[in-house]
Amino acid sequence: DEQSRIEIFNSIGVKLDQFLVSEFAYDISL
């Protein structure tokens, strides 16, 4: 959907990164 978001968290719940997605396939730089 528009404004879809990906967030990456570590094992204790700290957000490390976030970005918007609009395609169904992505290469993500961690």
PDB file of all heavy atoms in Angstrom:
ATOM      1  N   ASP A   1       0.853  -1.194   0.000  1.00  0.00           N
ATOM      2  CA  ASP A   1       0.000   0.000   0.000  1.00  0.00           C
ATOM      3  C   ASP A   1       0.885   1.240   0.000  1.00  0.00           C
ATOM      4  O   ASP A   1       2.068   1.173   0.348  1.00  0.00           O
ATOM      5  CB  ASP A   1      -0.869   0.039   1.272  1.00  0.00           C
ATOM      6  CG  ASP A   1      -1.792  -1.152   1.391  1.00  0.00           C
ATOM      7  OD1 ASP A   1      -2.134  -1.751   0.361  1.00  0.00           O
ATOM      8  OD2 ASP A   1      -2.169  -1.480   2.534  1.00  0.00           O
ATOM      9  N   GLU A   2       0.277   2.382  -0.345  1.00  0.00           N
ATOM     10  CA  GLU A   2       1.010   3.636  -0.208  1.00  0.00           C
ATOM     11  C   GLU A   2       1.374   3.831   1.262  1.00  0.00           C
ATOM     12  O   GLU A   2       0.632   3.445   2.155  1.00  0.00           O
ATOM     13  CB  GLU A   2       0.152   4.807  -0.686  1.00  0.00           C
ATOM     14  CG  GLU A   2       0.101   4.929  -2.186  1.00  0.00           C
ATOM     15  CD  GLU A   2      -0.524   6.242  -2.618  1.00  0.00           C
ATOM     16  OE1 GLU A   2      -0.334   7.260  -1.931  1.00  0.00           O
ATOM     17  OE2 GLU A   2      -1.210   6.217  -3.655  1.00  0.00           O
ATOM     18  N   GLN A   3       2.504   4.425   1.490  1.00  0.00           N
ATOM     19  CA  GLN A   3       3.009   4.696   2.838  1.00  0.00           C
ATOM     20  C   GLN A   3       3.308   3.409   3.626  1.00  0.00           C
ATOM     21  O   GLN A   3       3.290   3.415   4.852  1.00  0.00           O
ATOM     22  CB  GLN A   3       2.048   5.590   3.634  1.00  0.00           C
ATOM     23  CG  GLN A   3       1.794   6.933   2.988  1.00  0.00           C
ATOM     24  CD  GLN A   3       3.086   7.729   2.809  1.00  0.00           C
ATOM     25  OE1 GLN A   3       3.871   7.872   3.729  1.00  0.00           O
ATOM     26  NE2 GLN A   3       3.307   8.228   1.603  1.00  0.00           N
ATOM     27  N   SER A   4       3.598   2.300   2.923  1.00  0.00           N
ATOM     28  CA  SER A   4       4.035   1.083   3.607  1.00  0.00           C
ATOM     29  C   SER A   4       5.434   1.309   4.144  1.00  0.00           C
ATOM     30  O   SER A   4       6.266   1.936   3.503  1.00  0.00           O
ATOM     31  CB  SER A   4       4.030  -0.101   2.638  1.00  0.00           C
ATOM     32  OG  SER A   4       2.715  -0.386   2.221  1.00  0.00           O
ATOM     33  N   ARG A   5       5.685   0.780   5.339  1.00  0.00           N
ATOM     34  CA  ARG A   5       6.934   1.063   6.023  1.00  0.00           C
ATOM     35  C   ARG A   5       7.599  -0.237   6.488  1.00  0.00           C
ATOM     36  O   ARG A   5       6.927  -1.152   6.943  1.00  0.00           O
ATOM     37  CB  ARG A   5       6.658   1.970   7.214  1.00  0.00           C
ATOM     38  CG  ARG A   5       7.894   2.482   7.909  1.00  0.00           C
ATOM     39  CD  ARG A   5       7.562   3.503   8.991  1.00  0.00           C
ATOM     40  NE  ARG A   5       6.870   2.870  10.094  1.00  0.00           N
ATOM     41  CZ  ARG A   5       5.689   3.279  10.576  1.00  0.00           C
ATOM     42  NH1 ARG A   5       5.078   4.308  10.068  1.00  0.00           N
ATOM     43  NH2 ARG A   5       5.132   2.648  11.586  1.00  0.00           N
ATOM     44  N   ILE A   6       8.912  -0.266   6.384  1.00  0.00           N
ATOM     45  CA  ILE A   6       9.720  -1.354   6.928  1.00  0.00           C
ATOM     46  C   ILE A   6      10.532  -0.776   8.077  1.00  0.00           C
ATOM     47  O   ILE A   6      11.130   0.296   7.950  1.00  0.00           O
ATOM     48  CB  ILE A   6      10.684  -1.922   5.861  1.00  0.00           C
ATOM     49  CG1 ILE A   6       9.931  -2.585   4.718  1.00  0.00           C
ATOM     50  CG2 ILE A   6      11.699  -2.870   6.485  1.00  0.00           C
ATOM     51  CD1 ILE A   6       9.271  -3.894   5.054  1.00  0.00           C
ATOM     52  N   GLU A   7      10.546  -1.506   9.193  1.00  0.00           N
ATOM     53  CA  GLU A   7      11.370  -1.125  10.333  1.00  0.00           C
ATOM     54  C   GLU A   7      12.205  -2.339  10.732  1.00  0.00           C
ATOM     55  O   GLU A   7      11.723  -3.463  10.676  1.00  0.00           O
ATOM     56  CB  GLU A   7      10.496  -0.695  11.510  1.00  0.00           C
ATOM     57  CG  GLU A   7       9.634   0.521  11.216  1.00  0.00           C
ATOM     58  CD  GLU A   7       8.586   0.750  12.284  1.00  0.00           C
ATOM     59  OE1 GLU A   7       7.774  -0.174  12.526  1.00  0.00           O
ATOM     60  OE2 GLU A   7       8.599   1.841  12.876  1.00  0.00           O
ATOM     61  N   ILE A   8      13.447  -2.087  11.134  1.00  0.00           N
ATOM     62  CA  ILE A   8      14.334  -3.148  11.584  1.00  0.00           C
ATOM     63  C   ILE A   8      14.667  -2.902  13.051  1.00  0.00           C
ATOM     64  O   ILE A   8      15.041  -1.782  13.427  1.00  0.00           O
ATOM     65  CB  ILE A   8      15.617  -3.193  10.731  1.00  0.00           C
ATOM     66  CG1 ILE A   8      15.236  -3.509   9.273  1.00  0.00           C
ATOM     67  CG2 ILE A   8      16.600  -4.235  11.272  1.00  0.00           C
ATOM     68  CD1 ILE A   8      16.376  -3.428   8.294  1.00  0.00           C
ATOM     69  N   PHE A   9      14.491  -3.960  13.855  1.00  0.00           N
ATOM     70  CA  PHE A   9      14.717  -3.877  15.299  1.00  0.00           C
ATOM     71  C   PHE A   9      15.750  -4.910  15.721  1.00  0.00           C
ATOM     72  O   PHE A   9      15.822  -5.995  15.141  1.00  0.00           O
ATOM     73  CB  PHE A   9      13.421  -4.176  16.072  1.00  0.00           C
ATOM     74  CG  PHE A   9      12.307  -3.211  15.806  1.00  0.00           C
ATOM     75  CD1 PHE A   9      11.408  -3.436  14.780  1.00  0.00           C
ATOM     76  CD2 PHE A   9      12.151  -2.081  16.595  1.00  0.00           C
ATOM     77  CE1 PHE A   9      10.373  -2.549  14.533  1.00  0.00           C
ATOM     78  CE2 PHE A   9      11.118  -1.186  16.364  1.00  0.00           C
ATOM     79  CZ  PHE A   9      10.229  -1.424  15.326  1.00  0.00           C
ATOM     80  N   ASN A  10      16.481  -4.596  16.797  1.00  0.00           N
ATOM     81  CA  ASN A  10      17.359  -5.614  17.375  1.00  0.00           C
ATOM     82  C   ASN A  10      16.546  -6.485  18.328  1.00  0.00           C
ATOM     83  O   ASN A  10      15.334  -6.280  18.500  1.00  0.00           O
ATOM     84  CB  ASN A  10      18.605  -4.994  18.027  1.00  0.00           C
ATOM     85  CG  ASN A  10      18.277  -4.167  19.258  1.00  0.00           C
ATOM     86  OD1 ASN A  10      17.174  -4.234  19.823  1.00  0.00           O
ATOM     87  ND2 ASN A  10      19.251  -3.379  19.697  1.00  0.00           N
ATOM     88  N   SER A  11      17.208  -7.439  18.971  1.00  0.00           N
ATOM     89  CA  SER A  11      16.486  -8.424  19.788  1.00  0.00           C
ATOM     90  C   SER A  11      15.863  -7.840  21.048  1.00  0.00           C
ATOM     91  O   SER A  11      14.992  -8.461  21.654  1.00  0.00           O
ATOM     92  CB  SER A  11      17.419  -9.576  20.161  1.00  0.00           C
ATOM     93  OG  SER A  11      18.512  -9.075  20.904  1.00  0.00           O
ATOM     94  N   ILE A  12      16.258  -6.624  21.468  1.00  0.00           N
ATOM     95  CA  ILE A  12      15.642  -6.025  22.657  1.00  0.00           C
ATOM     96  C   ILE A  12      14.667  -4.899  22.282  1.00  0.00           C
ATOM     97  O   ILE A  12      14.239  -4.130  23.134  1.00  0.00           O
ATOM     98  CB  ILE A  12      16.705  -5.528  23.666  1.00  0.00           C
ATOM     99  CG1 ILE A  12      17.638  -4.499  23.040  1.00  0.00           C
ATOM    100  CG2 ILE A  12      17.477  -6.708  24.246  1.00  0.00           C
ATOM    101  CD1 ILE A  12      18.567  -3.835  24.043  1.00  0.00           C
ATOM    102  N   GLY A  13      14.325  -4.817  20.970  1.00  0.00           N
ATOM    103  CA  GLY A  13      13.285  -3.888  20.550  1.00  0.00           C
ATOM    104  C   GLY A  13      13.731  -2.496  20.165  1.00  0.00           C
ATOM    105  O   GLY A  13      12.894  -1.622  19.971  1.00  0.00           O
ATOM    106  N   VAL A  14      15.027  -2.254  20.048  1.00  0.00           N
ATOM    107  CA  VAL A  14      15.518  -0.933  19.641  1.00  0.00           C
ATOM    108  C   VAL A  14      15.451  -0.830  18.124  1.00  0.00           C
ATOM    109  O   VAL A  14      15.965  -1.700  17.406  1.00  0.00           O
ATOM    110  CB  VAL A  14      16.970  -0.706  20.123  1.00  0.00           C
ATOM    111  CG1 VAL A  14      17.522   0.613  19.588  1.00  0.00           C
ATOM    112  CG2 VAL A  14      17.032  -0.751  21.638  1.00  0.00           C
ATOM    113  N   LYS A  15      14.779   0.230  17.641  1.00  0.00           N
ATOM    114  CA  LYS A  15      14.660   0.425  16.190  1.00  0.00           C
ATOM    115  C   LYS A  15      16.012   0.863  15.637  1.00  0.00           C
ATOM    116  O   LYS A  15      16.599   1.836  16.089  1.00  0.00           O
ATOM    117  CB  LYS A  15      13.599   1.470  15.862  1.00  0.00           C
ATOM    118  CG  LYS A  15      13.344   1.574  14.359  1.00  0.00           C
ATOM    119  CD  LYS A  15      12.461   2.744  13.953  1.00  0.00           C
ATOM    120  CE  LYS A  15      11.151   2.778  14.680  1.00  0.00           C
ATOM    121  NZ  LYS A  15      10.287   3.880  14.186  1.00  0.00           N
ATOM    122  N   LEU A  16      16.490   0.126  14.608  1.00  0.00           N
ATOM    123  CA  LEU A  16      17.787   0.407  14.004  1.00  0.00           C
ATOM    124  C   LEU A  16      17.669   1.168  12.687  1.00  0.00           C
ATOM    125  O   LEU A  16      18.590   1.880  12.303  1.00  0.00           O
ATOM    126  CB  LEU A  16      18.547  -0.899  13.761  1.00  0.00           C
ATOM    127  CG  LEU A  16      18.742  -1.795  14.980  1.00  0.00           C
ATOM    128  CD1 LEU A  16      19.392  -3.093  14.571  1.00  0.00           C
ATOM    129  CD2 LEU A  16      19.555  -1.064  16.040  1.00  0.00           C
ATOM    130  N   ASP A  17      16.546   0.995  11.979  1.00  0.00           N
ATOM    131  CA  ASP A  17      16.381   1.635  10.677  1.00  0.00           C
ATOM    132  C   ASP A  17      14.910   1.565  10.288  1.00  0.00           C
ATOM    133  O   ASP A  17      14.161   0.731  10.790  1.00  0.00           O
ATOM    134  CB  ASP A  17      17.228   0.907   9.618  1.00  0.00           C
ATOM    135  CG  ASP A  17      17.532   1.768   8.407  1.00  0.00           C
ATOM    136  OD1 ASP A  17      17.091   2.936   8.362  1.00  0.00           O
ATOM    137  OD2 ASP A  17      18.224   1.270   7.497  1.00  0.00           O
ATOM    138  N   GLN A  18      14.505   2.465   9.401  1.00  0.00           N
ATOM    139  CA  GLN A  18      13.158   2.408   8.834  1.00  0.00           C
ATOM    140  C   GLN A  18      13.174   3.095   7.484  1.00  0.00           C
ATOM    141  O   GLN A  18      13.992   3.957   7.222  1.00  0.00           O
ATOM    142  CB  GLN A  18      12.125   3.057   9.745  1.00  0.00           C
ATOM    143  CG  GLN A  18      12.133   4.562   9.757  1.00  0.00           C
ATOM    144  CD  GLN A  18      10.956   5.099  10.546  1.00  0.00           C
ATOM    145  OE1 GLN A  18      10.385   4.431  11.389  1.00  0.00           O
ATOM    146  NE2 GLN A  18      10.594   6.333  10.269  1.00  0.00           N
ATOM    147  N   PHE A  19      12.265   2.667   6.601  1.00  0.00           N
ATOM    148  CA  PHE A  19      12.142   3.275   5.286  1.00  0.00           C
ATOM    149  C   PHE A  19      10.803   2.901   4.682  1.00  0.00           C
ATOM    150  O   PHE A  19      10.146   1.946   5.114  1.00  0.00           O
ATOM    151  CB  PHE A  19      13.308   2.872   4.364  1.00  0.00           C
ATOM    152  CG  PHE A  19      13.596   1.404   4.345  1.00  0.00           C
ATOM    153  CD1 PHE A  19      13.011   0.574   3.409  1.00  0.00           C
ATOM    154  CD2 PHE A  19      14.464   0.849   5.277  1.00  0.00           C
ATOM    155  CE1 PHE A  19      13.267  -0.779   3.402  1.00  0.00           C
ATOM    156  CE2 PHE A  19      14.729  -0.499   5.271  1.00  0.00           C
ATOM    157  CZ  PHE A  19      14.132  -1.319   4.327  1.00  0.00           C
ATOM    158  N   LEU A  20      10.376   3.654   3.671  1.00  0.00           N
ATOM    159  CA  LEU A  20       9.132   3.388   2.953  1.00  0.00           C
ATOM    160  C   LEU A  20       9.398   2.402   1.832  1.00  0.00           C
ATOM    161  O   LEU A  20      10.480   2.407   1.237  1.00  0.00           O
ATOM    162  CB  LEU A  20       8.545   4.684   2.394  1.00  0.00           C
ATOM    163  CG  LEU A  20       8.132   5.729   3.421  1.00  0.00           C
ATOM    164  CD1 LEU A  20       7.650   6.999   2.726  1.00  0.00           C
ATOM    165  CD2 LEU A  20       7.046   5.192   4.343  1.00  0.00           C
ATOM    166  N   VAL A  21       8.397   1.566   1.520  1.00  0.00           N
ATOM    167  CA  VAL A  21       8.514   0.607   0.419  1.00  0.00           C
ATOM    168  C   VAL A  21       7.337   0.773  -0.523  1.00  0.00           C
ATOM    169  O   VAL A  21       6.225   1.088  -0.098  1.00  0.00           O
ATOM    170  CB  VAL A  21       8.590  -0.847   0.921  1.00  0.00           C
ATOM    171  CG1 VAL A  21       9.873  -1.101   1.662  1.00  0.00           C
ATOM    172  CG2 VAL A  21       7.402  -1.210   1.780  1.00  0.00           C
ATOM    173  N   SER A  22       7.596   0.573  -1.816  1.00  0.00           N
ATOM    174  CA  SER A  22       6.521   0.678  -2.800  1.00  0.00           C
ATOM    175  C   SER A  22       6.546  -0.457  -3.814  1.00  0.00           C
ATOM    176  O   SER A  22       5.648  -0.569  -4.628  1.00  0.00           O
ATOM    177  CB  SER A  22       6.609   2.026  -3.532  1.00  0.00           C
ATOM    178  OG  SER A  22       7.857   2.142  -4.177  1.00  0.00           O
ATOM    179  N   GLU A  23       7.563  -1.296  -3.782  1.00  0.00           N
ATOM    180  CA  GLU A  23       7.683  -2.431  -4.696  1.00  0.00           C
ATOM    181  C   GLU A  23       7.619  -3.726  -3.898  1.00  0.00           C
ATOM    182  O   GLU A  23       7.864  -3.737  -2.699  1.00  0.00           O
ATOM    183  CB  GLU A  23       9.009  -2.372  -5.458  1.00  0.00           C
ATOM    184  CG  GLU A  23       9.192  -1.113  -6.278  1.00  0.00           C
ATOM    185  CD  GLU A  23       8.222  -1.019  -7.433  1.00  0.00           C
ATOM    186  OE1 GLU A  23       7.884  -2.074  -8.013  1.00  0.00           O
ATOM    187  OE2 GLU A  23       7.780   0.095  -7.753  1.00  0.00           O
ATOM    188  N   PHE A  24       7.332  -4.837  -4.592  1.00  0.00           N
ATOM    189  CA  PHE A  24       7.202  -6.088  -3.854  1.00  0.00           C
ATOM    190  C   PHE A  24       8.528  -6.839  -3.704  1.00  0.00           C
ATOM    191  O   PHE A  24       8.598  -7.840  -3.017  1.00  0.00           O
ATOM    192  CB  PHE A  24       6.108  -6.983  -4.442  1.00  0.00           C
ATOM    193  CG  PHE A  24       6.429  -7.567  -5.783  1.00  0.00           C
ATOM    194  CD1 PHE A  24       6.964  -8.822  -5.887  1.00  0.00           C
ATOM    195  CD2 PHE A  24       6.161  -6.857  -6.940  1.00  0.00           C
ATOM    196  CE1 PHE A  24       7.249  -9.361  -7.125  1.00  0.00           C
ATOM    197  CE2 PHE A  24       6.432  -7.391  -8.173  1.00  0.00           C
ATOM    198  CZ  PHE A  24       6.991  -8.647  -8.265  1.00  0.00           C
ATOM    199  N   ALA A  25       9.618  -6.333  -4.292  1.00  0.00           N
ATOM    200  CA  ALA A  25      10.941  -6.927  -4.106  1.00  0.00           C
ATOM    201  C   ALA A  25      11.933  -5.809  -3.797  1.00  0.00           C
ATOM    202  O   ALA A  25      11.920  -4.773  -4.459  1.00  0.00           O
ATOM    203  CB  ALA A  25      11.369  -7.679  -5.348  1.00  0.00           C
ATOM    204  N   TYR A  26      12.761  -6.038  -2.801  1.00  0.00           N
ATOM    205  CA  TYR A  26      13.734  -5.035  -2.371  1.00  0.00           C
ATOM    206  C   TYR A  26      15.053  -5.675  -1.990  1.00  0.00           C
ATOM    207  O   TYR A  26      15.072  -6.745  -1.381  1.00  0.00           O
ATOM    208  CB  TYR A  26      13.233  -4.286  -1.114  1.00  0.00           C
ATOM    209  CG  TYR A  26      12.483  -3.041  -1.421  1.00  0.00           C
ATOM    210  CD1 TYR A  26      11.118  -3.076  -1.610  1.00  0.00           C
ATOM    211  CD2 TYR A  26      13.145  -1.825  -1.538  1.00  0.00           C
ATOM    212  CE1 TYR A  26      10.419  -1.928  -1.899  1.00  0.00           C
ATOM    213  CE2 TYR A  26      12.445  -0.668  -1.823  1.00  0.00           C
ATOM    214  CZ  TYR A  26      11.084  -0.730  -2.008  1.00  0.00           C
ATOM    215  OH  TYR A  26      10.397   0.406  -2.299  1.00  0.00           O
ATOM    216  N   ASP A  27      16.136  -4.988  -2.308  1.00  0.00           N
ATOM    217  CA  ASP A  27      17.435  -5.299  -1.726  1.00  0.00           C
ATOM    218  C   ASP A  27      17.611  -4.311  -0.585  1.00  0.00           C
ATOM    219  O   ASP A  27      17.565  -3.102  -0.802  1.00  0.00           O
ATOM    220  CB  ASP A  27      18.557  -5.133  -2.751  1.00  0.00           C
ATOM    221  CG  ASP A  27      18.523  -6.212  -3.820  1.00  0.00           C
ATOM    222  OD1 ASP A  27      18.271  -7.378  -3.466  1.00  0.00           O
ATOM    223  OD2 ASP A  27      18.732  -5.884  -4.994  1.00  0.00           O
ATOM    224  N   ILE A  28      17.798  -4.824   0.614  1.00  0.00           N
ATOM    225  CA  ILE A  28      17.904  -3.966   1.792  1.00  0.00           C
ATOM    226  C   ILE A  28      19.347  -3.950   2.278  1.00  0.00           C
ATOM    227  O   ILE A  28      19.930  -4.998   2.551  1.00  0.00           O
ATOM    228  CB  ILE A  28      16.991  -4.470   2.927  1.00  0.00           C
ATOM    229  CG1 ILE A  28      15.529  -4.424   2.490  1.00  0.00           C
ATOM    230  CG2 ILE A  28      17.208  -3.672   4.202  1.00  0.00           C
ATOM    231  CD1 ILE A  28      14.581  -5.039   3.483  1.00  0.00           C
ATOM    232  N   SER A  29      19.914  -2.755   2.373  1.00  0.00           N
ATOM    233  CA  SER A  29      21.223  -2.593   3.009  1.00  0.00           C
ATOM    234  C   SER A  29      20.976  -2.493   4.508  1.00  0.00           C
ATOM    235  O   SER A  29      20.284  -1.586   4.967  1.00  0.00           O
ATOM    236  CB  SER A  29      21.912  -1.321   2.510  1.00  0.00           C
ATOM    237  OG  SER A  29      22.213  -1.439   1.142  1.00  0.00           O
ATOM    238  N   LEU A  30      21.519  -3.433   5.240  1.00  0.00           N
ATOM    239  CA  LEU A  30      21.303  -3.456   6.687  1.00  0.00           C
ATOM    240  C   LEU A  30      22.153  -2.371   7.351  1.00  0.00           C
ATOM    241  O   LEU A  30      23.178  -1.959   6.808  1.00  0.00           O
ATOM    242  CB  LEU A  30      21.659  -4.835   7.235  1.00  0.00           C
ATOM    243  CG  LEU A  30      20.762  -5.975   6.730  1.00  0.00           C
ATOM    244  CD1 LEU A  30      21.310  -7.319   7.170  1.00  0.00           C
ATOM    245  CD2 LEU A  30      19.334  -5.794   7.213  1.00  0.00           C
TER     246      LEU A  30
END
